[in-house]
């Protein structure tokens, strides 16, 4: 019997997504003198199995040799599930260079192939490169503009498989963001003055709008309560347009989320805004799945706003499961075969009616709810969850026609941001020393005693007072800042 002769094994580096993180994958290839065949092993998804036909067509349509050998492509590690059509290019290069000497091991290779040999962008390429930050990548030219925003990565882009015949990689120049920015301690923070929804559309409700201002300036969780039509949702829907500037890392992280969520990647300093319906399940909000761990709405809201309208109508387990993400700023989803941990650095915003019928605070409509019904309705939100909401404001109907624009409010957010030197999310350790006047400190101590504040509520009071002071161009907390902060504390 004739002995089979195996050629030298080739290795090309690629990657696969697992939630929001990436895992490196070695694309190994072996060519055996035996009955011709083409197989891909290593827990590849359906899109990877279909790569066999795309790769074969792309090679033959461009007069490349498709060797009459038994071809085995192994995706290592073999026990890791892999997904994505971006494995087309490393598989094609393995075959194209099967009898040539070239070292691809210093590159991360990603790209989908068209049947005519064109290289195509995929939604997974940007998050893969951002997660791994390799020194060098080989990618489709369509992906180059996005990847060029990532610092520290050398980019070699190609538009067609033909360009690999004489492999002469040309580096793509890096590109920068073209937005106004603040430079604080050598770091740039970008912003965009585009007020698609303006606070000037909300007539009156100035105290509610100030609550939104302080929430944005300090990244404080906020709950607005009031009758239907009083302006709760209008205020929160405009909140994203006055949020603080974003660093390049923040923008890249948001665009990574957009890419995974199959949204257009724009590289704008614009924070996420997620508004799930109250019928959403726990898995939809936090992630889950029976076959593998998948991320949920709270992950897609990272660096931005998660808005729960009609808060008490959300499922009880959804509300209770909010507590840890709001406190720890991360979520761990564990399943038998996979684990996914992701950041939840969010501003949680919520709106609710004062009672089931909504008319308890109305001047013109009569409330039809009994005292027991109102109590049961509000008790759907537990005290530990209330404790994590730093700004609470009860809105009533107003005839006041005065307005304040989003531009003016954003200027105050920028003022606070510059004073805080980038520490705008107020996620400060409990031993943080606040700069506070003696009289203001005395008021806080009286509030702690009179209202029986928990340590978390006490710390939140300090943080909110600091944010209010910063919006007024002050670093030191004064008496008036504490008094304003106490107005936004929920009365039990």
Protein backbone atom coordinates (compact mmCIF):
# COMPACT_ATOMS: atom_id res chain seq x y z
CA UNK A 1 0.00 0.00 0.00
CA UNK A 2 1.31 3.41 -0.91
CA UNK A 3 2.29 5.49 2.11
CA UNK A 4 0.65 8.85 2.59
CA UNK A 5 2.97 11.81 2.72
CA UNK A 6 1.91 14.79 4.83
CA UNK A 7 3.14 18.24 3.98
CA UNK A 8 4.26 20.72 6.61
CA UNK A 9 1.42 22.00 8.81
CA UNK A 10 0.57 25.67 8.44
CA UNK A 11 -0.68 27.88 11.28
CA UNK A 12 -2.53 31.18 10.95
CA UNK A 13 -3.92 33.18 13.87
CA UNK A 14 -7.56 34.18 13.95
CA UNK A 15 -10.16 34.66 16.72
CA UNK A 16 -13.77 34.15 17.77
CA UNK A 17 -16.15 36.13 19.94
CA UNK A 18 -17.45 34.87 23.27
CA UNK A 19 -19.96 37.45 24.47
CA UNK A 20 -18.04 40.75 24.54
CA UNK A 21 -14.60 39.17 24.80
CA UNK A 22 -12.48 37.40 22.20
CA UNK A 23 -10.55 34.15 22.19
CA UNK A 24 -7.58 33.46 19.96
CA UNK A 25 -7.96 30.61 17.49
CA UNK A 26 -5.19 28.86 15.57
CA UNK A 27 -6.22 27.86 12.05
CA UNK A 28 -4.06 24.80 11.36
CA UNK A 29 -3.99 23.08 7.99
CA UNK A 30 -2.66 19.73 6.79
CA UNK A 31 -2.48 18.39 3.21
CA UNK A 32 -2.29 14.63 2.66
CA UNK A 33 -1.71 12.69 -0.54
CA UNK A 34 -4.90 10.70 -0.40
CA UNK A 35 -8.42 10.74 -1.81
CA UNK A 36 -9.22 14.48 -2.29
CA UNK A 37 -11.42 15.98 0.36
CA UNK A 38 -11.95 19.16 2.35
CA UNK A 39 -12.98 19.12 6.01
CA UNK A 40 -13.04 21.65 8.86
CA UNK A 41 -12.87 20.36 12.42
CA UNK A 42 -12.89 22.10 15.81
CA UNK A 43 -16.51 22.95 16.71
CA UNK A 44 -17.05 25.38 13.85
CA UNK A 45 -20.53 26.88 13.37
CA UNK A 46 -22.62 26.49 10.22
CA UNK A 47 -21.14 29.68 8.75
CA UNK A 48 -17.64 28.21 9.20
CA UNK A 49 -18.64 24.91 7.56
CA UNK A 50 -20.03 26.88 4.62
CA UNK A 51 -16.61 28.52 4.27
CA UNK A 52 -15.49 25.43 2.34
CA UNK A 53 -17.64 26.39 -0.65
CA UNK A 54 -16.82 30.11 -0.48
CA UNK A 55 -13.08 29.45 -0.26
CA UNK A 56 -13.07 26.87 -3.04
CA UNK A 57 -15.06 29.13 -5.39
CA UNK A 58 -12.90 32.18 -4.60
CA UNK A 59 -9.68 30.29 -5.35
CA UNK A 60 -10.87 28.63 -8.55
CA UNK A 61 -12.55 31.78 -9.90
CA UNK A 62 -9.19 33.56 -9.65
CA UNK A 63 -7.12 30.81 -11.28
CA UNK A 64 -5.49 29.72 -8.07
CA UNK A 65 -4.68 26.08 -7.53
CA UNK A 66 -7.03 24.10 -5.34
CA UNK A 67 -4.78 21.15 -4.48
CA UNK A 68 -6.16 17.66 -5.26
CA UNK A 69 -5.28 16.47 -1.75
CA UNK A 70 -7.05 15.60 1.43
CA UNK A 71 -7.27 19.00 3.16
CA UNK A 72 -7.94 19.18 6.87
CA UNK A 73 -8.46 22.53 8.59
CA UNK A 74 -8.36 22.39 12.38
CA UNK A 75 -9.58 25.28 14.55
CA UNK A 76 -7.72 25.16 17.84
CA UNK A 77 -8.56 24.95 20.73
CA UNK A 78 -10.83 22.18 19.54
CA UNK A 79 -13.19 22.32 22.55
CA UNK A 80 -14.12 25.98 22.01
CA UNK A 81 -17.17 26.81 19.90
CA UNK A 82 -16.36 29.14 17.03
CA UNK A 83 -18.62 31.37 14.98
CA UNK A 84 -18.25 33.84 12.14
CA UNK A 85 -17.60 34.09 8.43
CA UNK A 86 -14.34 35.97 9.14
CA UNK A 87 -12.57 32.58 9.19
CA UNK A 88 -12.83 32.52 5.37
CA UNK A 89 -9.61 34.48 4.82
CA UNK A 90 -7.30 32.49 7.15
CA UNK A 91 -8.66 29.24 5.67
CA UNK A 92 -8.11 30.52 2.11
CA UNK A 93 -4.55 31.68 2.91
CA UNK A 94 -3.78 28.29 4.43
CA UNK A 95 -4.62 26.68 1.08
CA UNK A 96 -3.17 29.41 -1.10
CA UNK A 97 0.21 29.19 0.64
CA UNK A 98 0.18 25.44 1.29
CA UNK A 99 3.35 24.90 -0.76
CA UNK A 100 4.96 28.29 -0.15
CA UNK A 101 7.03 29.60 2.72
CA UNK A 102 5.48 32.50 4.56
CA UNK A 103 5.15 33.23 8.24
CA UNK A 104 1.64 34.40 9.10
CA UNK A 105 2.03 33.78 12.82
CA UNK A 106 2.79 37.42 13.62
CA UNK A 107 -0.55 38.54 12.14
CA UNK A 108 -4.16 38.22 13.25
CA UNK A 109 -6.06 37.34 10.06
CA UNK A 110 -9.79 38.13 9.67
CA UNK A 111 -12.10 38.51 6.69
CA UNK A 112 -15.03 37.08 4.76
CA UNK A 113 -14.65 36.02 1.13
CA UNK A 114 -17.01 36.61 -1.76
CA UNK A 115 -17.30 33.93 -4.42
CA UNK A 116 -15.32 36.18 -6.79
CA UNK A 117 -12.48 36.60 -4.27
CA UNK A 118 -13.49 39.97 -2.83
CA UNK A 119 -12.71 40.55 0.85
CA UNK A 120 -15.69 41.68 2.91
CA UNK A 121 -16.11 43.29 6.31
CA UNK A 122 -18.10 41.52 9.02
CA UNK A 123 -19.67 42.81 12.24
CA UNK A 124 -17.27 40.71 14.34
CA UNK A 125 -13.96 42.04 12.99
CA UNK A 126 -13.96 45.32 14.92
CA UNK A 127 -14.83 43.84 18.36
CA UNK A 128 -12.31 41.03 17.83
CA UNK A 129 -9.43 43.41 17.09
CA UNK A 130 -10.48 45.78 19.88
CA UNK A 131 -10.63 42.95 22.42
CA UNK A 132 -7.28 41.37 21.50
CA UNK A 133 -5.30 44.49 20.47
CA UNK A 134 -2.77 42.47 18.38
CA UNK A 135 0.38 44.11 17.05
CA UNK A 136 -0.49 43.38 13.40
CA UNK A 137 -3.70 42.48 11.57
CA UNK A 138 -4.59 41.40 8.05
CA UNK A 139 -8.14 42.51 7.29
CA UNK A 140 -10.42 43.54 4.38
CA UNK A 141 -9.99 47.08 3.13
CA UNK A 142 -13.66 47.67 4.04
CA UNK A 143 -12.72 47.19 7.71
CA UNK A 144 -9.64 49.42 7.67
CA UNK A 145 -11.31 52.73 8.54
CA UNK A 146 -12.87 51.28 11.69
CA UNK A 147 -9.77 49.42 12.82
CA UNK A 148 -7.56 52.48 12.20
CA UNK A 149 -9.23 54.16 15.22
CA UNK A 150 -7.78 51.51 17.56
CA UNK A 151 -4.39 52.62 18.95
CA UNK A 152 -1.36 50.33 18.92
CA UNK A 153 -2.45 48.08 16.03
CA UNK A 154 -0.59 47.90 12.67
CA UNK A 155 -3.11 47.38 9.87
CA UNK A 156 -2.51 45.61 6.56
CA UNK A 157 -5.62 45.78 4.41
CA UNK A 158 -6.54 44.00 1.17
CA UNK A 159 -9.56 44.27 -1.11
CA UNK A 160 -9.18 41.06 -3.14
CA UNK A 161 -7.65 37.62 -2.85
CA UNK A 162 -5.55 38.34 -5.94
CA UNK A 163 -3.49 40.82 -3.93
CA UNK A 164 -2.00 37.96 -1.92
CA UNK A 165 -0.34 36.41 -5.00
CA UNK A 166 2.67 38.62 -4.45
CA UNK A 167 2.38 39.34 -0.79
CA UNK A 168 3.62 42.90 -0.21
CA UNK A 169 1.72 44.24 2.78
CA UNK A 170 1.20 47.99 2.97
CA UNK A 171 0.41 49.54 6.29
CA UNK A 172 -2.78 51.60 6.66
CA UNK A 173 -2.32 54.97 8.34
CA UNK A 174 -4.05 55.60 11.67
CA UNK A 175 -7.00 57.98 11.75
CA UNK A 176 -8.29 60.22 14.53
CA UNK A 177 -11.69 61.48 15.62
CA UNK A 178 -12.86 64.79 14.22
CA UNK A 179 -14.90 66.09 17.16
CA UNK A 180 -14.39 68.90 19.67
CA UNK A 181 -12.73 67.74 22.84
CA UNK A 182 -11.55 68.72 26.30
CA UNK A 183 -7.98 67.91 27.22
CA UNK A 184 -7.64 67.07 30.90
CA UNK A 185 -4.32 65.93 32.33
CA UNK A 186 -3.10 65.04 28.85
CA UNK A 187 -6.13 62.91 27.94
CA UNK A 188 -8.73 63.87 25.33
CA UNK A 189 -12.46 63.69 26.02
CA UNK A 190 -14.67 64.08 22.96
CA UNK A 191 -18.20 65.46 22.73
CA UNK A 192 -20.78 66.43 20.15
CA UNK A 193 -23.21 69.34 20.46
CA UNK A 194 -26.09 67.68 18.65
CA UNK A 195 -29.30 68.09 20.63
CA UNK A 196 -31.68 66.01 18.55
CA UNK A 197 -34.15 66.09 21.43
CA UNK A 198 -33.97 69.38 23.35
CA UNK A 199 -34.97 70.12 26.94
CA UNK A 200 -36.50 73.36 25.70
CA UNK A 201 -39.38 71.20 24.39
CA UNK A 202 -40.31 70.41 28.01
CA UNK A 203 -42.33 73.34 29.36
CA UNK A 204 -41.78 74.03 33.04
CA UNK A 205 -40.62 71.17 35.29
CA UNK A 206 -37.36 73.01 35.97
CA UNK A 207 -36.70 71.04 39.16
CA UNK A 208 -37.13 67.79 37.23
CA UNK A 209 -34.78 69.04 34.53
CA UNK A 210 -32.20 69.99 37.16
CA UNK A 211 -32.51 66.44 38.49
CA UNK A 212 -31.62 65.22 34.98
CA UNK A 213 -28.73 67.71 34.84
CA UNK A 214 -27.23 66.41 38.09
CA UNK A 215 -27.79 62.81 37.01
CA UNK A 216 -25.84 63.43 33.79
CA UNK A 217 -23.06 65.46 35.42
CA UNK A 218 -22.38 62.86 38.10
CA UNK A 219 -23.63 59.66 36.44
CA UNK A 220 -26.20 59.30 39.23
CA UNK A 221 -29.09 56.85 39.00
CA UNK A 222 -32.42 58.70 38.78
CA UNK A 223 -36.11 57.92 39.35
CA UNK A 224 -38.89 60.30 38.30
CA UNK A 225 -42.40 59.76 39.67
CA UNK A 226 -45.52 61.53 38.47
CA UNK A 227 -48.88 61.29 36.77
CA UNK A 228 -49.12 60.33 33.06
CA UNK A 229 -48.24 63.20 30.74
CA UNK A 230 -46.33 65.22 33.32
CA UNK A 231 -43.06 64.94 31.35
CA UNK A 232 -41.12 62.08 32.98
CA UNK A 233 -40.25 60.19 29.80
CA UNK A 234 -39.61 63.40 27.86
CA UNK A 235 -36.95 64.42 30.37
CA UNK A 236 -35.21 61.04 30.46
CA UNK A 237 -35.29 60.65 26.66
CA UNK A 238 -33.35 63.93 26.43
CA UNK A 239 -30.83 62.92 29.06
CA UNK A 240 -28.44 61.19 26.66
CA UNK A 241 -27.80 64.44 24.76
CA UNK A 242 -26.28 66.22 27.78
CA UNK A 243 -24.11 63.33 28.98
CA UNK A 244 -20.42 64.02 29.72
CA UNK A 245 -17.67 63.80 27.07
CA UNK A 246 -16.16 60.43 26.26
CA UNK A 247 -12.57 59.25 26.07
CA UNK A 248 -11.37 57.33 23.01
CA UNK A 249 -11.51 54.11 25.04
CA UNK A 250 -15.15 54.83 25.97
CA UNK A 251 -16.08 55.49 22.33
CA UNK A 252 -14.36 52.32 21.16
CA UNK A 253 -16.15 50.32 23.83
CA UNK A 254 -19.54 51.72 22.77
CA UNK A 255 -18.82 50.97 19.10
CA UNK A 256 -17.74 47.46 20.05
CA UNK A 257 -21.17 46.99 21.62
CA UNK A 258 -22.84 48.45 18.51
CA UNK A 259 -20.91 46.08 16.25
CA UNK A 260 -21.90 43.05 18.33
CA UNK A 261 -25.50 44.32 18.31
CA UNK A 262 -25.33 44.52 14.47
CA UNK A 263 -25.64 48.31 14.51
CA UNK A 264 -23.78 50.83 12.38
CA UNK A 265 -20.38 51.81 13.75
CA UNK A 266 -20.10 55.61 13.60
CA UNK A 267 -17.40 56.55 16.14
CA UNK A 268 -19.47 59.36 17.57
CA UNK A 269 -19.13 60.50 21.19
CA UNK A 270 -22.73 59.43 21.73
CA UNK A 271 -23.71 57.23 24.63
CA UNK A 272 -25.96 54.21 24.42
CA UNK A 273 -29.63 54.50 25.35
CA UNK A 274 -31.53 51.26 25.95
CA UNK A 275 -35.23 51.29 26.77
CA UNK A 276 -36.52 47.71 27.18
CA UNK A 277 -40.25 47.06 27.59
CA UNK A 278 -41.48 46.09 31.04
CA UNK A 279 -42.51 42.65 29.71
CA UNK A 280 -38.83 41.81 29.08
CA UNK A 281 -37.59 38.66 30.76
CA UNK A 282 -34.63 38.41 33.12
CA UNK A 283 -32.57 36.74 30.37
CA UNK A 284 -33.37 39.61 27.96
CA UNK A 285 -32.21 42.22 30.49
CA UNK A 286 -29.18 40.50 32.03
CA UNK A 287 -28.30 37.78 29.55
CA UNK A 288 -28.53 34.04 29.66
CA UNK A 289 -29.62 31.23 27.36
CA UNK A 290 -29.88 27.47 27.73
CA UNK A 291 -27.10 26.50 25.30
CA UNK A 292 -24.62 29.24 26.08
CA UNK A 293 -24.23 32.51 27.94
CA UNK A 294 -25.52 35.48 25.94
CA UNK A 295 -25.45 39.15 26.96
CA UNK A 296 -28.56 41.24 27.64
CA UNK A 297 -29.83 44.82 27.48
CA UNK A 298 -27.82 45.96 30.49
CA UNK A 299 -24.61 45.03 28.68
CA UNK A 300 -25.60 46.99 25.58
CA UNK A 301 -26.24 50.03 27.82
CA UNK A 302 -22.64 50.06 29.10
CA UNK A 303 -21.19 53.63 29.26
CA UNK A 304 -24.71 54.93 28.67
CA UNK A 305 -28.28 54.89 29.96
CA UNK A 306 -30.59 52.01 30.80
CA UNK A 307 -34.15 53.38 31.02
CA UNK A 308 -36.97 51.46 32.70
CA UNK A 309 -40.29 53.17 32.00
CA UNK A 310 -43.22 52.02 34.16
CA UNK A 311 -40.71 50.68 36.68
CA UNK A 312 -43.09 48.78 39.02
CA UNK A 313 -44.48 46.77 36.09
CA UNK A 314 -41.14 45.03 35.49
CA UNK A 315 -40.93 41.49 36.79
CA UNK A 316 -39.93 41.24 40.44
CA UNK A 317 -36.86 39.11 39.73
CA UNK A 318 -35.70 41.62 37.10
CA UNK A 319 -35.88 44.48 39.60
CA UNK A 320 -34.10 42.52 42.33
CA UNK A 321 -31.36 41.37 39.95
CA UNK A 322 -30.59 45.01 39.15
CA UNK A 323 -29.01 45.52 42.55
CA UNK A 324 -25.64 43.86 41.94
CA UNK A 325 -24.98 45.35 38.46
CA UNK A 326 -25.71 48.83 39.81
CA UNK A 327 -23.36 48.26 42.73
CA UNK A 328 -20.51 46.20 41.21
CA UNK A 329 -20.69 47.61 37.66
CA UNK A 330 -20.42 44.12 36.17
CA UNK A 331 -22.44 40.97 35.54
CA UNK A 332 -21.30 37.35 35.41
CA UNK A 333 -23.48 34.94 33.41
CA UNK A 334 -22.56 31.32 34.15
CA UNK A 335 -23.69 28.28 32.23
CA UNK A 336 -22.45 24.68 32.19
CA UNK A 337 -20.37 25.18 29.05
CA UNK A 338 -19.61 28.89 29.15
CA UNK A 339 -19.20 31.97 31.31
CA UNK A 340 -19.50 35.57 30.23
CA UNK A 341 -18.54 38.56 32.38
CA UNK A 342 -19.20 42.06 31.14
CA UNK A 343 -19.16 45.64 32.41
CA UNK A 344 -22.34 47.45 33.41
CA UNK A 345 -21.07 50.99 33.95
CA UNK A 346 -24.49 52.52 33.37
CA UNK A 347 -26.67 55.40 34.42
CA UNK A 348 -29.91 53.75 35.49
CA UNK A 349 -32.95 55.94 34.79
CA UNK A 350 -36.52 55.04 35.65
CA UNK A 351 -40.01 56.53 35.57
CA UNK A 352 -43.16 55.45 37.37
CA UNK A 353 -46.70 56.53 38.15
CA UNK A 354 -47.60 57.36 41.77
CA UNK A 355 -50.30 54.66 41.82
CA UNK A 356 -51.76 51.97 39.52
CA UNK A 357 -54.26 54.35 37.88
CA UNK A 358 -51.69 57.16 37.75
CA UNK A 359 -53.90 59.96 39.09
CA UNK A 360 -52.78 60.15 42.72
CA UNK A 361 -50.82 63.39 42.16
CA UNK A 362 -53.15 64.85 39.54
CA UNK A 363 -55.00 68.11 40.28
CA UNK A 364 -57.74 67.45 37.73
CA UNK A 365 -58.36 63.68 37.83
CA UNK A 366 -59.57 61.54 40.67
CA UNK A 367 -57.50 58.60 41.86
CA UNK A 368 -59.44 55.31 41.79
CA UNK A 369 -56.90 53.30 43.80
CA UNK A 370 -57.29 52.16 47.37
CA UNK A 371 -54.56 52.71 49.94
CA UNK A 372 -53.73 49.01 49.85
CA UNK A 373 -53.41 49.03 46.05
CA UNK A 374 -51.06 52.03 46.16
CA UNK A 375 -48.93 50.38 48.85
CA UNK A 376 -48.77 47.07 46.98
CA UNK A 377 -47.84 48.93 43.78
CA UNK A 378 -44.93 50.81 45.37
CA UNK A 379 -43.77 47.78 47.33
CA UNK A 380 -42.84 46.08 44.08
CA UNK A 381 -39.66 48.14 44.35
CA UNK A 382 -37.58 46.98 47.31
CA UNK A 383 -35.72 49.25 49.71
CA UNK A 384 -32.26 47.92 48.61
CA UNK A 385 -33.08 48.94 45.02
CA UNK A 386 -34.38 52.35 46.14
CA UNK A 387 -31.11 52.70 48.09
CA UNK A 388 -29.14 52.49 44.85
CA UNK A 389 -31.11 55.32 43.22
CA UNK A 390 -29.36 58.57 44.11
CA UNK A 391 -31.88 61.05 42.67
CA UNK A 392 -35.61 60.74 43.28
CA UNK A 393 -38.04 63.45 42.27
CA UNK A 394 -41.82 63.52 42.42
CA UNK A 395 -43.17 65.59 39.51
CA UNK A 396 -46.53 67.38 39.60
CA UNK A 397 -48.53 69.16 36.92
CA UNK A 398 -47.30 72.73 36.28
CA UNK A 399 -48.57 75.72 34.31
CA UNK A 400 -45.09 77.24 34.17
CA UNK A 401 -43.98 77.84 30.56
CA UNK A 402 -40.33 78.60 31.35
CA UNK A 403 -37.69 76.55 29.53
CA UNK A 404 -34.01 75.77 29.64
CA UNK A 405 -32.15 74.49 26.60
CA UNK A 406 -30.07 71.34 26.33
CA UNK A 407 -27.13 73.48 25.22
CA UNK A 408 -27.18 75.45 28.47
CA UNK A 409 -27.49 72.27 30.53
CA UNK A 410 -24.64 70.63 28.61
CA UNK A 411 -22.39 73.59 29.33
CA UNK A 412 -22.99 73.02 33.04
CA UNK A 413 -22.18 69.33 32.61
CA UNK A 414 -18.90 70.29 30.91
CA UNK A 415 -18.11 72.62 33.81
CA UNK A 416 -18.63 69.83 36.33
CA UNK A 417 -16.67 67.40 34.16
CA UNK A 418 -13.61 69.65 34.01
CA UNK A 419 -13.63 70.17 37.79
CA UNK A 420 -13.92 66.44 38.40
CA UNK A 421 -11.06 65.85 35.93
CA UNK A 422 -12.74 62.96 34.26
CA UNK A 423 -14.13 61.25 37.39
CA UNK A 424 -17.66 61.93 36.17
CA UNK A 425 -19.21 58.57 37.00
CA UNK A 426 -18.96 59.28 40.74
CA UNK A 427 -17.97 55.66 41.33
CA UNK A 428 -15.71 56.66 44.20
CA UNK A 429 -14.42 54.53 47.08
CA UNK A 430 -16.15 54.98 50.42
CA UNK A 431 -13.02 56.38 52.04
CA UNK A 432 -12.93 59.24 49.52
CA UNK A 433 -12.37 62.56 51.29
CA UNK A 434 -14.91 65.13 50.15
CA UNK A 435 -13.94 68.78 50.29
CA UNK A 436 -16.83 70.20 52.33
CA UNK A 437 -17.55 73.26 54.45
CA UNK A 438 -18.25 72.72 58.16
CA UNK A 439 -21.84 73.95 57.99
CA UNK A 440 -22.61 71.64 55.06
CA UNK A 441 -21.03 68.73 56.93
CA UNK A 442 -23.22 69.43 59.97
CA UNK A 443 -26.36 69.35 57.83
CA UNK A 444 -25.39 65.97 56.40
CA UNK A 445 -24.78 64.59 59.90
CA UNK A 446 -28.22 65.79 61.03
CA UNK A 447 -29.80 64.21 57.94
CA UNK A 448 -28.08 60.90 58.69
CA UNK A 449 -29.55 60.92 62.19
CA UNK A 450 -33.03 62.25 61.38
CA UNK A 451 -33.64 60.08 58.31
CA UNK A 452 -31.73 57.00 59.54
CA UNK A 453 -29.65 56.95 56.36
CA UNK A 454 -27.72 53.81 55.49
CA UNK A 455 -24.01 54.06 54.72
CA UNK A 456 -24.80 53.81 51.01
CA UNK A 457 -27.41 56.60 51.24
CA UNK A 458 -24.96 58.74 53.19
CA UNK A 459 -22.27 58.26 50.56
CA UNK A 460 -24.76 58.98 47.77
CA UNK A 461 -25.72 62.22 49.53
CA UNK A 462 -22.08 63.31 49.58
CA UNK A 463 -21.62 62.43 45.91
CA UNK A 464 -24.74 64.25 44.77
CA UNK A 465 -23.81 67.33 46.83
CA UNK A 466 -20.40 67.30 45.17
CA UNK A 467 -21.94 67.08 41.70
CA UNK A 468 -24.27 70.00 42.43
CA UNK A 469 -21.30 72.07 43.63
CA UNK A 470 -19.30 71.18 40.51
CA UNK A 471 -22.09 72.34 38.18
CA UNK A 472 -21.83 75.72 39.93
CA UNK A 473 -18.04 75.84 39.28
CA UNK A 474 -17.16 75.00 42.88
CA UNK A 475 -14.90 72.25 44.18
CA UNK A 476 -15.94 72.58 47.82
CA UNK A 477 -19.39 71.43 48.95
CA UNK A 478 -21.39 74.26 50.51
CA UNK A 479 -24.55 74.38 52.60
CA UNK A 480 -26.81 75.17 49.64
CA UNK A 481 -25.48 72.13 47.72
CA UNK A 482 -26.45 69.77 50.52
CA UNK A 483 -29.90 71.37 50.86
CA UNK A 484 -30.51 70.87 47.12
CA UNK A 485 -29.27 67.28 47.32
CA UNK A 486 -31.68 66.55 50.17
CA UNK A 487 -34.58 67.68 47.97
CA UNK A 488 -33.85 64.73 45.71
CA UNK A 489 -33.89 62.17 48.50
CA UNK A 490 -36.82 59.81 48.65
CA UNK A 491 -39.07 60.10 51.71
CA UNK A 492 -40.15 56.71 53.01
